[in-house]
Amino acid sequence: MSLLETGQGQPEVRYCAAHPTVETGLTCGRCGTPICPRCLVQTPVGARCRECARLRRLPIFEVSPLQYAQAAAVAAGVALALGILWSLLPLRGYGTFVAAAAVGFLIGEAVSRAVNRKRSTGLKVIAGLAVPGAFLVSLLFPLALRFGLAGALALAPGLVVAPLASPLVLLALALGVYLAVLRIDR
C-alpha cells in the first residue's frame, strides 16, 4: 500500500497504531488501522491487524479439562478390560506383538472417540500410558486371582521386572504405544 498524499503532493507520514514511533505505509485490510510489518498478520484475505485477524486455535486442538478427564477415565477402563483379556490369552513370542498392537490400537481409538476426535499432546500421553498400564494389568490379574489383590501387589515388583527385561516385550510395548498415539492424530 502506498503513503497517502496530502493536497500539496507531499506524502502523509503515518505511524503504526501499536508502535507510535514506527512510520508505516501499511494499513489493515479490514479496519484501515495503520500497522507496521511487526504487527501485520497475513491472512487468506490479505494483511490484517491482530484484532481483525482473530488468531485462534482450531477447535479440534482445543481440549477442555473435562475432556482430559473423560479421556483418562476411558483409557483406564479400556486398559483394565484389555489387560484382563490379554492375561487370559496364551500369547508367547510374536503373539505378544499382535496383542500389544491390538491393545494400542483399541486404546487409541477409544480415547479418540471419547473426546470427539480432538487432538493434543496430552491426549497422546494419556493413550500412550494406558498401553503399559494394560500390560501391567495382564501381569497382575492372574496373581490377583490366585493370591488376592494385596498378594499380587506384594509379588508385583519381582514379576513385572522379568518380562520387561525381554527386548521382544519392550518392542511389543513400543509398538502398542506407537499405535495408541497414532490413533489420536487420525
N, C-alpha and C. Protein backbone atom coordinates (compact mmCIF):
# COMPACT_ATOMS: atom_id res chain seq x y z
N MET A 1 0.84 -1.16 0.00
CA MET A 1 0.00 0.00 0.00
C MET A 1 0.89 1.23 0.00
N SER A 2 0.41 2.28 -0.54
CA SER A 2 1.26 3.47 -0.66
C SER A 2 0.92 4.49 0.41
N LEU A 3 1.84 5.42 0.60
CA LEU A 3 1.61 6.51 1.54
C LEU A 3 0.55 7.44 0.97
N LEU A 4 -0.27 7.96 1.81
CA LEU A 4 -1.29 8.90 1.36
C LEU A 4 -0.64 10.23 1.03
N GLU A 5 -1.16 10.86 0.04
CA GLU A 5 -0.61 12.16 -0.33
C GLU A 5 -1.51 13.25 0.20
N THR A 6 -0.88 14.31 0.68
CA THR A 6 -1.64 15.47 1.12
C THR A 6 -2.02 16.28 -0.11
N GLY A 7 -2.76 17.33 0.07
CA GLY A 7 -3.19 18.17 -1.04
C GLY A 7 -2.03 18.79 -1.80
N GLN A 8 -0.85 18.98 -1.21
CA GLN A 8 0.28 19.61 -1.88
C GLN A 8 1.19 18.58 -2.55
N GLY A 9 0.81 17.32 -2.68
CA GLY A 9 1.63 16.31 -3.31
C GLY A 9 2.67 15.70 -2.39
N GLN A 10 2.69 16.08 -1.13
CA GLN A 10 3.62 15.53 -0.15
C GLN A 10 3.00 14.27 0.47
N PRO A 11 3.80 13.20 0.64
CA PRO A 11 3.25 12.01 1.30
C PRO A 11 2.99 12.28 2.78
N GLU A 12 1.82 11.80 3.25
CA GLU A 12 1.47 11.94 4.67
C GLU A 12 2.19 10.86 5.45
N VAL A 13 2.81 11.24 6.54
CA VAL A 13 3.51 10.28 7.38
C VAL A 13 2.50 9.66 8.33
N ARG A 14 2.47 8.31 8.34
CA ARG A 14 1.57 7.58 9.24
C ARG A 14 2.42 6.73 10.17
N TYR A 15 1.89 6.50 11.35
CA TYR A 15 2.60 5.72 12.36
C TYR A 15 1.75 4.52 12.77
N CYS A 16 2.43 3.45 13.07
CA CYS A 16 1.77 2.21 13.50
C CYS A 16 0.95 2.48 14.76
N ALA A 17 -0.25 1.91 14.80
CA ALA A 17 -1.13 2.11 15.96
C ALA A 17 -0.55 1.47 17.22
N ALA A 18 0.17 0.38 17.09
CA ALA A 18 0.73 -0.31 18.25
C ALA A 18 2.13 0.19 18.59
N HIS A 19 2.85 0.70 17.62
CA HIS A 19 4.21 1.21 17.80
C HIS A 19 4.26 2.64 17.28
N PRO A 20 3.93 3.62 18.10
CA PRO A 20 3.78 5.00 17.63
C PRO A 20 5.04 5.65 17.09
N THR A 21 6.20 5.05 17.28
CA THR A 21 7.43 5.65 16.75
C THR A 21 7.83 5.06 15.40
N VAL A 22 7.08 4.08 14.90
CA VAL A 22 7.42 3.40 13.65
C VAL A 22 6.55 3.94 12.52
N GLU A 23 7.21 4.53 11.50
CA GLU A 23 6.49 5.00 10.32
C GLU A 23 6.06 3.80 9.48
N THR A 24 4.91 3.91 8.87
CA THR A 24 4.42 2.80 8.06
C THR A 24 3.53 3.29 6.93
N GLY A 25 3.46 2.53 5.91
CA GLY A 25 2.55 2.79 4.80
C GLY A 25 1.51 1.69 4.70
N LEU A 26 1.54 0.73 5.63
CA LEU A 26 0.62 -0.40 5.61
C LEU A 26 -0.61 -0.11 6.46
N THR A 27 -1.74 -0.60 6.02
CA THR A 27 -2.96 -0.50 6.82
C THR A 27 -3.66 -1.84 6.83
N CYS A 28 -4.46 -2.06 7.84
CA CYS A 28 -5.25 -3.29 7.94
C CYS A 28 -6.26 -3.29 6.80
N GLY A 29 -6.39 -4.40 6.13
CA GLY A 29 -7.32 -4.52 5.01
C GLY A 29 -8.77 -4.50 5.43
N ARG A 30 -9.05 -4.64 6.71
CA ARG A 30 -10.43 -4.66 7.17
C ARG A 30 -10.84 -3.35 7.82
N CYS A 31 -10.04 -2.88 8.79
CA CYS A 31 -10.44 -1.69 9.55
C CYS A 31 -9.66 -0.43 9.16
N GLY A 32 -8.58 -0.57 8.39
CA GLY A 32 -7.81 0.57 7.95
C GLY A 32 -6.82 1.11 8.97
N THR A 33 -6.63 0.43 10.08
CA THR A 33 -5.68 0.85 11.11
C THR A 33 -4.26 0.77 10.55
N PRO A 34 -3.43 1.80 10.74
CA PRO A 34 -2.04 1.71 10.30
C PRO A 34 -1.29 0.64 11.11
N ILE A 35 -0.57 -0.24 10.40
CA ILE A 35 0.18 -1.32 11.05
C ILE A 35 1.58 -1.39 10.46
N CYS A 36 2.55 -1.76 11.30
CA CYS A 36 3.92 -1.94 10.82
C CYS A 36 4.12 -3.42 10.47
N PRO A 37 5.22 -3.77 9.85
CA PRO A 37 5.45 -5.18 9.49
C PRO A 37 5.46 -6.13 10.70
N ARG A 38 5.84 -5.63 11.88
CA ARG A 38 5.83 -6.50 13.07
C ARG A 38 4.40 -6.82 13.51
N CYS A 39 3.48 -5.92 13.25
CA CYS A 39 2.08 -6.11 13.68
C CYS A 39 1.25 -6.82 12.62
N LEU A 40 1.73 -6.89 11.43
CA LEU A 40 0.99 -7.44 10.31
C LEU A 40 0.74 -8.93 10.50
N VAL A 41 -0.46 -9.36 10.26
CA VAL A 41 -0.81 -10.78 10.26
C VAL A 41 -1.35 -11.09 8.87
N GLN A 42 -0.66 -11.96 8.16
CA GLN A 42 -1.08 -12.31 6.81
C GLN A 42 -2.19 -13.36 6.91
N THR A 43 -3.33 -13.06 6.35
CA THR A 43 -4.47 -13.98 6.34
C THR A 43 -4.79 -14.35 4.90
N PRO A 44 -5.65 -15.31 4.67
CA PRO A 44 -6.01 -15.67 3.29
C PRO A 44 -6.65 -14.53 2.51
N VAL A 45 -7.19 -13.53 3.21
CA VAL A 45 -7.84 -12.41 2.53
C VAL A 45 -7.02 -11.13 2.60
N GLY A 46 -5.76 -11.23 2.99
CA GLY A 46 -4.89 -10.06 2.98
C GLY A 46 -4.30 -9.74 4.35
N ALA A 47 -3.60 -8.60 4.39
CA ALA A 47 -2.94 -8.17 5.62
C ALA A 47 -3.98 -7.62 6.60
N ARG A 48 -3.86 -8.05 7.85
CA ARG A 48 -4.79 -7.61 8.90
C ARG A 48 -4.01 -7.24 10.14
N CYS A 49 -4.63 -6.41 10.98
CA CYS A 49 -4.09 -6.15 12.31
C CYS A 49 -4.43 -7.35 13.19
N ARG A 50 -3.82 -7.43 14.34
CA ARG A 50 -4.04 -8.60 15.20
C ARG A 50 -5.48 -8.73 15.65
N GLU A 51 -6.14 -7.62 15.91
CA GLU A 51 -7.54 -7.67 16.35
C GLU A 51 -8.44 -8.22 15.26
N CYS A 52 -8.22 -7.77 14.03
CA CYS A 52 -9.08 -8.23 12.93
C CYS A 52 -8.75 -9.65 12.48
N ALA A 53 -7.51 -10.07 12.68
CA ALA A 53 -7.13 -11.42 12.27
C ALA A 53 -7.76 -12.47 13.17
N ARG A 54 -8.01 -12.10 14.44
CA ARG A 54 -8.63 -13.01 15.40
C ARG A 54 -7.95 -14.38 15.42
N LEU A 55 -6.68 -14.38 15.74
CA LEU A 55 -5.92 -15.63 15.78
C LEU A 55 -6.46 -16.53 16.87
N ARG A 56 -6.93 -17.70 16.48
CA ARG A 56 -7.45 -18.69 17.42
C ARG A 56 -6.97 -20.06 16.99
N ARG A 57 -6.88 -20.91 17.95
CA ARG A 57 -6.55 -22.30 17.63
C ARG A 57 -7.76 -22.94 16.98
N LEU A 58 -7.52 -23.92 16.17
CA LEU A 58 -8.62 -24.66 15.58
C LEU A 58 -9.36 -25.42 16.67
N PRO A 59 -10.67 -25.54 16.57
CA PRO A 59 -11.44 -26.23 17.62
C PRO A 59 -10.99 -27.67 17.87
N ILE A 60 -10.45 -28.32 16.85
CA ILE A 60 -10.03 -29.71 17.03
C ILE A 60 -8.86 -29.82 18.01
N PHE A 61 -8.11 -28.72 18.19
CA PHE A 61 -6.96 -28.72 19.09
C PHE A 61 -7.28 -28.13 20.46
N GLU A 62 -8.51 -27.69 20.68
CA GLU A 62 -8.92 -27.13 21.96
C GLU A 62 -9.57 -28.23 22.80
N VAL A 63 -8.83 -28.71 23.80
CA VAL A 63 -9.31 -29.80 24.65
C VAL A 63 -9.51 -29.24 26.05
N SER A 64 -10.70 -29.41 26.58
CA SER A 64 -11.03 -28.89 27.91
C SER A 64 -10.54 -29.85 29.00
N PRO A 65 -10.41 -29.35 30.23
CA PRO A 65 -10.04 -30.24 31.33
C PRO A 65 -11.03 -31.40 31.51
N LEU A 66 -12.31 -31.14 31.28
CA LEU A 66 -13.30 -32.21 31.38
C LEU A 66 -13.03 -33.29 30.33
N GLN A 67 -12.65 -32.88 29.14
CA GLN A 67 -12.35 -33.87 28.10
C GLN A 67 -11.08 -34.67 28.43
N TYR A 68 -10.11 -34.01 29.07
CA TYR A 68 -8.93 -34.76 29.52
C TYR A 68 -9.34 -35.80 30.57
N ALA A 69 -10.24 -35.41 31.47
CA ALA A 69 -10.71 -36.35 32.49
C ALA A 69 -11.47 -37.51 31.85
N GLN A 70 -12.30 -37.21 30.86
CA GLN A 70 -13.02 -38.26 30.15
C GLN A 70 -12.04 -39.20 29.46
N ALA A 71 -11.03 -38.63 28.81
CA ALA A 71 -10.05 -39.44 28.11
C ALA A 71 -9.30 -40.35 29.08
N ALA A 72 -8.93 -39.81 30.23
CA ALA A 72 -8.20 -40.61 31.23
C ALA A 72 -9.08 -41.73 31.77
N ALA A 73 -10.35 -41.43 32.02
CA ALA A 73 -11.26 -42.46 32.52
C ALA A 73 -11.47 -43.56 31.48
N VAL A 74 -11.68 -43.17 30.25
CA VAL A 74 -11.87 -44.16 29.18
C VAL A 74 -10.60 -44.99 28.99
N ALA A 75 -9.45 -44.31 28.99
CA ALA A 75 -8.18 -45.04 28.81
C ALA A 75 -7.97 -46.04 29.94
N ALA A 76 -8.26 -45.64 31.17
CA ALA A 76 -8.09 -46.55 32.31
C ALA A 76 -9.05 -47.73 32.22
N GLY A 77 -10.29 -47.46 31.87
CA GLY A 77 -11.27 -48.54 31.76
C GLY A 77 -10.94 -49.52 30.65
N VAL A 78 -10.58 -48.99 29.49
CA VAL A 78 -10.24 -49.86 28.36
C VAL A 78 -8.94 -50.63 28.65
N ALA A 79 -7.97 -49.96 29.28
CA ALA A 79 -6.72 -50.64 29.63
C ALA A 79 -6.98 -51.77 30.62
N LEU A 80 -7.85 -51.54 31.58
CA LEU A 80 -8.18 -52.58 32.55
C LEU A 80 -8.84 -53.77 31.86
N ALA A 81 -9.84 -53.50 31.02
CA ALA A 81 -10.55 -54.58 30.33
C ALA A 81 -9.62 -55.34 29.38
N LEU A 82 -8.85 -54.60 28.59
CA LEU A 82 -7.95 -55.26 27.65
C LEU A 82 -6.80 -55.97 28.36
N GLY A 83 -6.36 -55.43 29.50
CA GLY A 83 -5.32 -56.10 30.28
C GLY A 83 -5.79 -57.44 30.81
N ILE A 84 -7.03 -57.47 31.28
CA ILE A 84 -7.60 -58.74 31.76
C ILE A 84 -7.70 -59.74 30.60
N LEU A 85 -8.20 -59.26 29.46
CA LEU A 85 -8.30 -60.13 28.29
C LEU A 85 -6.92 -60.61 27.85
N TRP A 86 -5.94 -59.72 27.86
CA TRP A 86 -4.57 -60.05 27.47
C TRP A 86 -4.00 -61.14 28.38
N SER A 87 -4.35 -61.09 29.66
CA SER A 87 -3.82 -62.09 30.60
C SER A 87 -4.45 -63.46 30.38
N LEU A 88 -5.65 -63.49 29.83
CA LEU A 88 -6.35 -64.76 29.61
C LEU A 88 -5.91 -65.46 28.33
N LEU A 89 -5.30 -64.71 27.42
CA LEU A 89 -4.86 -65.31 26.16
C LEU A 89 -3.47 -65.91 26.32
N PRO A 90 -3.28 -67.12 25.85
CA PRO A 90 -1.95 -67.75 25.98
C PRO A 90 -1.01 -67.26 24.88
N LEU A 91 -0.54 -66.03 25.00
CA LEU A 91 0.31 -65.44 23.96
C LEU A 91 1.77 -65.52 24.35
N ARG A 92 2.57 -66.00 23.46
CA ARG A 92 4.01 -66.07 23.66
C ARG A 92 4.69 -65.60 22.37
N GLY A 93 5.90 -65.15 22.47
CA GLY A 93 6.68 -64.77 21.29
C GLY A 93 6.02 -63.66 20.49
N TYR A 94 5.81 -63.93 19.22
CA TYR A 94 5.25 -62.89 18.34
C TYR A 94 3.78 -62.60 18.61
N GLY A 95 3.13 -63.47 19.33
CA GLY A 95 1.75 -63.18 19.74
C GLY A 95 1.67 -61.96 20.64
N THR A 96 2.77 -61.70 21.36
CA THR A 96 2.84 -60.51 22.20
C THR A 96 2.76 -59.25 21.34
N PHE A 97 3.39 -59.29 20.15
CA PHE A 97 3.32 -58.15 19.23
C PHE A 97 1.89 -57.91 18.77
N VAL A 98 1.22 -58.98 18.42
CA VAL A 98 -0.17 -58.86 17.95
C VAL A 98 -1.04 -58.31 19.06
N ALA A 99 -0.88 -58.83 20.27
CA ALA A 99 -1.69 -58.36 21.39
C ALA A 99 -1.39 -56.90 21.71
N ALA A 100 -0.12 -56.52 21.74
CA ALA A 100 0.25 -55.14 22.05
C ALA A 100 -0.26 -54.19 20.97
N ALA A 101 -0.18 -54.61 19.71
CA ALA A 101 -0.67 -53.77 18.62
C ALA A 101 -2.19 -53.59 18.73
N ALA A 102 -2.90 -54.67 19.01
CA ALA A 102 -4.35 -54.58 19.15
C ALA A 102 -4.73 -53.71 20.34
N VAL A 103 -4.05 -53.89 21.46
CA VAL A 103 -4.33 -53.09 22.65
C VAL A 103 -4.06 -51.61 22.37
N GLY A 104 -2.94 -51.30 21.74
CA GLY A 104 -2.62 -49.92 21.42
C GLY A 104 -3.64 -49.29 20.50
N PHE A 105 -4.01 -50.02 19.46
CA PHE A 105 -5.00 -49.51 18.52
C PHE A 105 -6.34 -49.25 19.21
N LEU A 106 -6.80 -50.22 19.99
CA LEU A 106 -8.10 -50.08 20.64
C LEU A 106 -8.12 -48.98 21.70
N ILE A 107 -7.05 -48.84 22.45
CA ILE A 107 -6.99 -47.77 23.45
C ILE A 107 -6.98 -46.41 22.75
N GLY A 108 -6.15 -46.27 21.73
CA GLY A 108 -6.09 -45.01 20.99
C GLY A 108 -7.43 -44.65 20.36
N GLU A 109 -8.08 -45.63 19.79
CA GLU A 109 -9.39 -45.39 19.16
C GLU A 109 -10.43 -45.01 20.21
N ALA A 110 -10.44 -45.69 21.35
CA ALA A 110 -11.41 -45.38 22.40
C ALA A 110 -11.20 -43.97 22.96
N VAL A 111 -9.96 -43.59 23.20
CA VAL A 111 -9.67 -42.24 23.70
C VAL A 111 -10.06 -41.20 22.66
N SER A 112 -9.73 -41.45 21.41
CA SER A 112 -10.07 -40.51 20.35
C SER A 112 -11.57 -40.32 20.23
N ARG A 113 -12.32 -41.39 20.29
CA ARG A 113 -13.78 -41.28 20.20
C ARG A 113 -14.39 -40.62 21.43
N ALA A 114 -13.79 -40.85 22.59
CA ALA A 114 -14.32 -40.28 23.83
C ALA A 114 -14.27 -38.75 23.83
N VAL A 115 -13.30 -38.19 23.12
CA VAL A 115 -13.16 -36.73 23.08
C VAL A 115 -13.52 -36.17 21.71
N ASN A 116 -14.32 -36.91 20.97
CA ASN A 116 -14.84 -36.45 19.68
C ASN A 116 -13.72 -36.13 18.69
N ARG A 117 -12.73 -37.00 18.65
CA ARG A 117 -11.60 -36.92 17.70
C ARG A 117 -10.74 -35.67 17.87
N LYS A 118 -10.72 -35.10 19.06
CA LYS A 118 -9.84 -33.95 19.31
C LYS A 118 -8.40 -34.43 19.35
N ARG A 119 -7.47 -33.48 19.22
CA ARG A 119 -6.06 -33.82 19.18
C ARG A 119 -5.27 -32.93 20.12
N SER A 120 -4.37 -33.53 20.87
CA SER A 120 -3.45 -32.76 21.71
C SER A 120 -2.36 -33.70 22.20
N THR A 121 -1.28 -33.09 22.63
CA THR A 121 -0.18 -33.87 23.19
C THR A 121 -0.62 -34.59 24.45
N GLY A 122 -1.44 -33.93 25.27
CA GLY A 122 -1.93 -34.55 26.49
C GLY A 122 -2.74 -35.81 26.22
N LEU A 123 -3.56 -35.78 25.18
CA LEU A 123 -4.34 -36.98 24.83
C LEU A 123 -3.42 -38.10 24.36
N LYS A 124 -2.35 -37.75 23.65
CA LYS A 124 -1.39 -38.76 23.21
C LYS A 124 -0.70 -39.39 24.42
N VAL A 125 -0.37 -38.57 25.40
CA VAL A 125 0.27 -39.10 26.62
C VAL A 125 -0.67 -40.05 27.34
N ILE A 126 -1.93 -39.66 27.47
CA ILE A 126 -2.92 -40.50 28.15
C ILE A 126 -3.05 -41.84 27.44
N ALA A 127 -3.20 -41.81 26.12
CA ALA A 127 -3.34 -43.06 25.36
C ALA A 127 -2.06 -43.89 25.42
N GLY A 128 -0.92 -43.22 25.31
CA GLY A 128 0.35 -43.94 25.35
C GLY A 128 0.62 -44.61 26.68
N LEU A 129 0.27 -43.96 27.78
CA LEU A 129 0.49 -44.54 29.11
C LEU A 129 -0.48 -45.69 29.42
N ALA A 130 -1.61 -45.69 28.76
CA ALA A 130 -2.59 -46.74 29.02
C ALA A 130 -2.11 -48.10 28.50
N VAL A 131 -1.27 -48.11 27.48
CA VAL A 131 -0.80 -49.39 26.93
C VAL A 131 0.09 -50.14 27.95
N PRO A 132 1.12 -49.49 28.51
CA PRO A 132 1.86 -50.20 29.57
C PRO A 132 0.98 -50.52 30.77
N GLY A 133 -0.04 -49.69 31.01
CA GLY A 133 -0.99 -49.99 32.08
C GLY A 133 -1.73 -51.28 31.82
N ALA A 134 -2.16 -51.48 30.58
CA ALA A 134 -2.84 -52.73 30.22
C ALA A 134 -1.90 -53.91 30.37
N PHE A 135 -0.63 -53.71 30.00
CA PHE A 135 0.36 -54.79 30.14
C PHE A 135 0.55 -55.15 31.62
N LEU A 136 0.62 -54.14 32.48
CA LEU A 136 0.76 -54.41 33.91
C LEU A 136 -0.46 -55.14 34.46
N VAL A 137 -1.65 -54.76 33.99
CA VAL A 137 -2.86 -55.47 34.42
C VAL A 137 -2.79 -56.92 33.96
N SER A 138 -2.27 -57.16 32.75
CA SER A 138 -2.18 -58.54 32.25
C SER A 138 -1.22 -59.38 33.09
N LEU A 139 -0.23 -58.74 33.68
CA LEU A 139 0.68 -59.48 34.55
C LEU A 139 0.10 -59.68 35.95
N LEU A 140 -0.63 -58.68 36.45
CA LEU A 140 -1.12 -58.72 37.83
C LEU A 140 -2.45 -59.47 37.99
N PHE A 141 -3.26 -59.51 36.96
CA PHE A 141 -4.59 -60.13 37.08
C PHE A 141 -4.52 -61.60 37.49
N PRO A 142 -3.67 -62.43 36.87
CA PRO A 142 -3.60 -63.83 37.31
C PRO A 142 -3.12 -63.95 38.77
N LEU A 143 -2.21 -63.07 39.16
CA LEU A 143 -1.75 -63.08 40.55
C LEU A 143 -2.86 -62.67 41.51
N ALA A 144 -3.66 -61.70 41.10
CA ALA A 144 -4.76 -61.23 41.95
C ALA A 144 -5.81 -62.33 42.12
N LEU A 145 -6.04 -63.11 41.07
CA LEU A 145 -6.99 -64.21 41.19
C LEU A 145 -6.48 -65.28 42.16
N ARG A 146 -5.19 -65.49 42.13
CA ARG A 146 -4.61 -66.56 42.94
C ARG A 146 -4.31 -66.14 44.38
N PHE A 147 -3.76 -64.93 44.56
CA PHE A 147 -3.30 -64.50 45.88
C PHE A 147 -4.08 -63.31 46.44
N GLY A 148 -5.05 -62.83 45.73
CA GLY A 148 -5.76 -61.63 46.15
C GLY A 148 -5.00 -60.39 45.72
N LEU A 149 -5.65 -59.25 45.80
CA LEU A 149 -5.03 -58.01 45.33
C LEU A 149 -3.79 -57.64 46.14
N ALA A 150 -3.86 -57.79 47.46
CA ALA A 150 -2.71 -57.45 48.30
C ALA A 150 -1.53 -58.37 47.99
N GLY A 151 -1.78 -59.64 47.81
CA GLY A 151 -0.71 -60.58 47.47
C GLY A 151 -0.12 -60.29 46.10
N ALA A 152 -0.97 -59.93 45.15
CA ALA A 152 -0.49 -59.61 43.80
C ALA A 152 0.40 -58.38 43.83
N LEU A 153 0.01 -57.37 44.60
CA LEU A 153 0.82 -56.16 44.69
C LEU A 153 2.14 -56.43 45.42
N ALA A 154 2.14 -57.35 46.36
CA ALA A 154 3.37 -57.70 47.07
C ALA A 154 4.33 -58.44 46.14
N LEU A 155 3.80 -59.29 45.27
CA LEU A 155 4.64 -60.06 44.35
C LEU A 155 4.98 -59.29 43.07
N ALA A 156 4.29 -58.21 42.81
CA ALA A 156 4.41 -57.48 41.55
C ALA A 156 5.82 -57.03 41.19
N PRO A 157 6.57 -56.42 42.09
CA PRO A 157 7.89 -55.92 41.67
C PRO A 157 8.78 -56.98 41.04
N GLY A 158 8.84 -58.15 41.62
CA GLY A 158 9.68 -59.21 41.07
C GLY A 158 9.15 -59.77 39.77
N LEU A 159 7.83 -59.89 39.65
CA LEU A 159 7.25 -60.49 38.45
C LEU A 159 7.09 -59.52 37.29
N VAL A 160 7.09 -58.24 37.56
CA VAL A 160 6.95 -57.25 36.50
C VAL A 160 8.29 -56.97 35.84
N VAL A 161 9.36 -57.01 36.61
CA VAL A 161 10.69 -56.69 36.08
C VAL A 161 11.16 -57.75 35.09
N ALA A 162 10.87 -59.01 35.34
CA ALA A 162 11.36 -60.09 34.47
C ALA A 162 10.85 -59.94 33.03
N PRO A 163 9.55 -59.75 32.79
CA PRO A 163 9.11 -59.59 31.39
C PRO A 163 9.67 -58.33 30.74
N LEU A 164 9.88 -57.28 31.52
CA LEU A 164 10.39 -56.04 30.95
C LEU A 164 11.87 -56.15 30.57
N ALA A 165 12.54 -57.19 31.00
CA ALA A 165 13.93 -57.41 30.62
C ALA A 165 14.04 -57.99 29.22
N SER A 166 12.94 -58.47 28.68
CA SER A 166 12.94 -59.07 27.35
C SER A 166 12.84 -57.97 26.28
N PRO A 167 13.77 -57.94 25.34
CA PRO A 167 13.68 -56.95 24.25
C PRO A 167 12.43 -57.13 23.41
N LEU A 168 11.97 -58.37 23.27
CA LEU A 168 10.76 -58.63 22.49
C LEU A 168 9.55 -57.96 23.14
N VAL A 169 9.44 -58.06 24.45
CA VAL A 169 8.32 -57.43 25.16
C VAL A 169 8.42 -55.91 25.06
N LEU A 170 9.62 -55.37 25.21
CA LEU A 170 9.78 -53.92 25.11
C LEU A 170 9.43 -53.40 23.72
N LEU A 171 9.83 -54.14 22.69
CA LEU A 171 9.46 -53.75 21.33
C LEU A 171 7.96 -53.84 21.10
N ALA A 172 7.34 -54.88 21.65
CA ALA A 172 5.89 -55.03 21.52
C ALA A 172 5.18 -53.87 22.21
N LEU A 173 5.64 -53.50 23.41
CA LEU A 173 5.03 -52.37 24.11
C LEU A 173 5.25 -51.07 23.34
N ALA A 174 6.42 -50.89 22.77
CA ALA A 174 6.68 -49.69 21.98
C ALA A 174 5.74 -49.63 20.78
N LEU A 175 5.49 -50.76 20.15
CA LEU A 175 4.54 -50.81 19.03
C LEU A 175 3.14 -50.44 19.49
N GLY A 176 2.73 -50.98 20.63
CA GLY A 176 1.40 -50.66 21.16
C GLY A 176 1.27 -49.18 21.49
N VAL A 177 2.29 -48.60 22.12
CA VAL A 177 2.25 -47.17 22.45
C VAL A 177 2.21 -46.34 21.16
N TYR A 178 3.01 -46.73 20.18
CA TYR A 178 3.03 -46.01 18.91
C TYR A 178 1.64 -46.01 18.25
N LEU A 179 1.00 -47.16 18.22
CA LEU A 179 -0.33 -47.24 17.60
C LEU A 179 -1.37 -46.46 18.38
N ALA A 180 -1.27 -46.46 19.70
CA ALA A 180 -2.21 -45.69 20.53
C ALA A 180 -2.07 -44.20 20.25
N VAL A 181 -0.83 -43.73 20.19
CA VAL A 181 -0.58 -42.31 19.92
C VAL A 181 -0.99 -41.96 18.51
N LEU A 182 -0.73 -42.85 17.57
CA LEU A 182 -1.08 -42.61 16.18
C LEU A 182 -2.59 -42.46 15.99
N ARG A 183 -3.38 -43.20 16.75
CA ARG A 183 -4.84 -43.13 16.61
C ARG A 183 -5.38 -41.77 17.05
N ILE A 184 -4.67 -41.06 17.92
CA ILE A 184 -5.14 -39.75 18.37
C ILE A 184 -5.06 -38.75 17.23
N ASP A 185 -4.11 -38.91 16.33
CA ASP A 185 -3.94 -37.97 15.21
C ASP A 185 -4.81 -38.30 14.01
N ARG A 186 -5.57 -39.33 14.06
CA ARG A 186 -6.36 -39.69 12.88
C ARG A 186 -7.82 -39.46 13.10
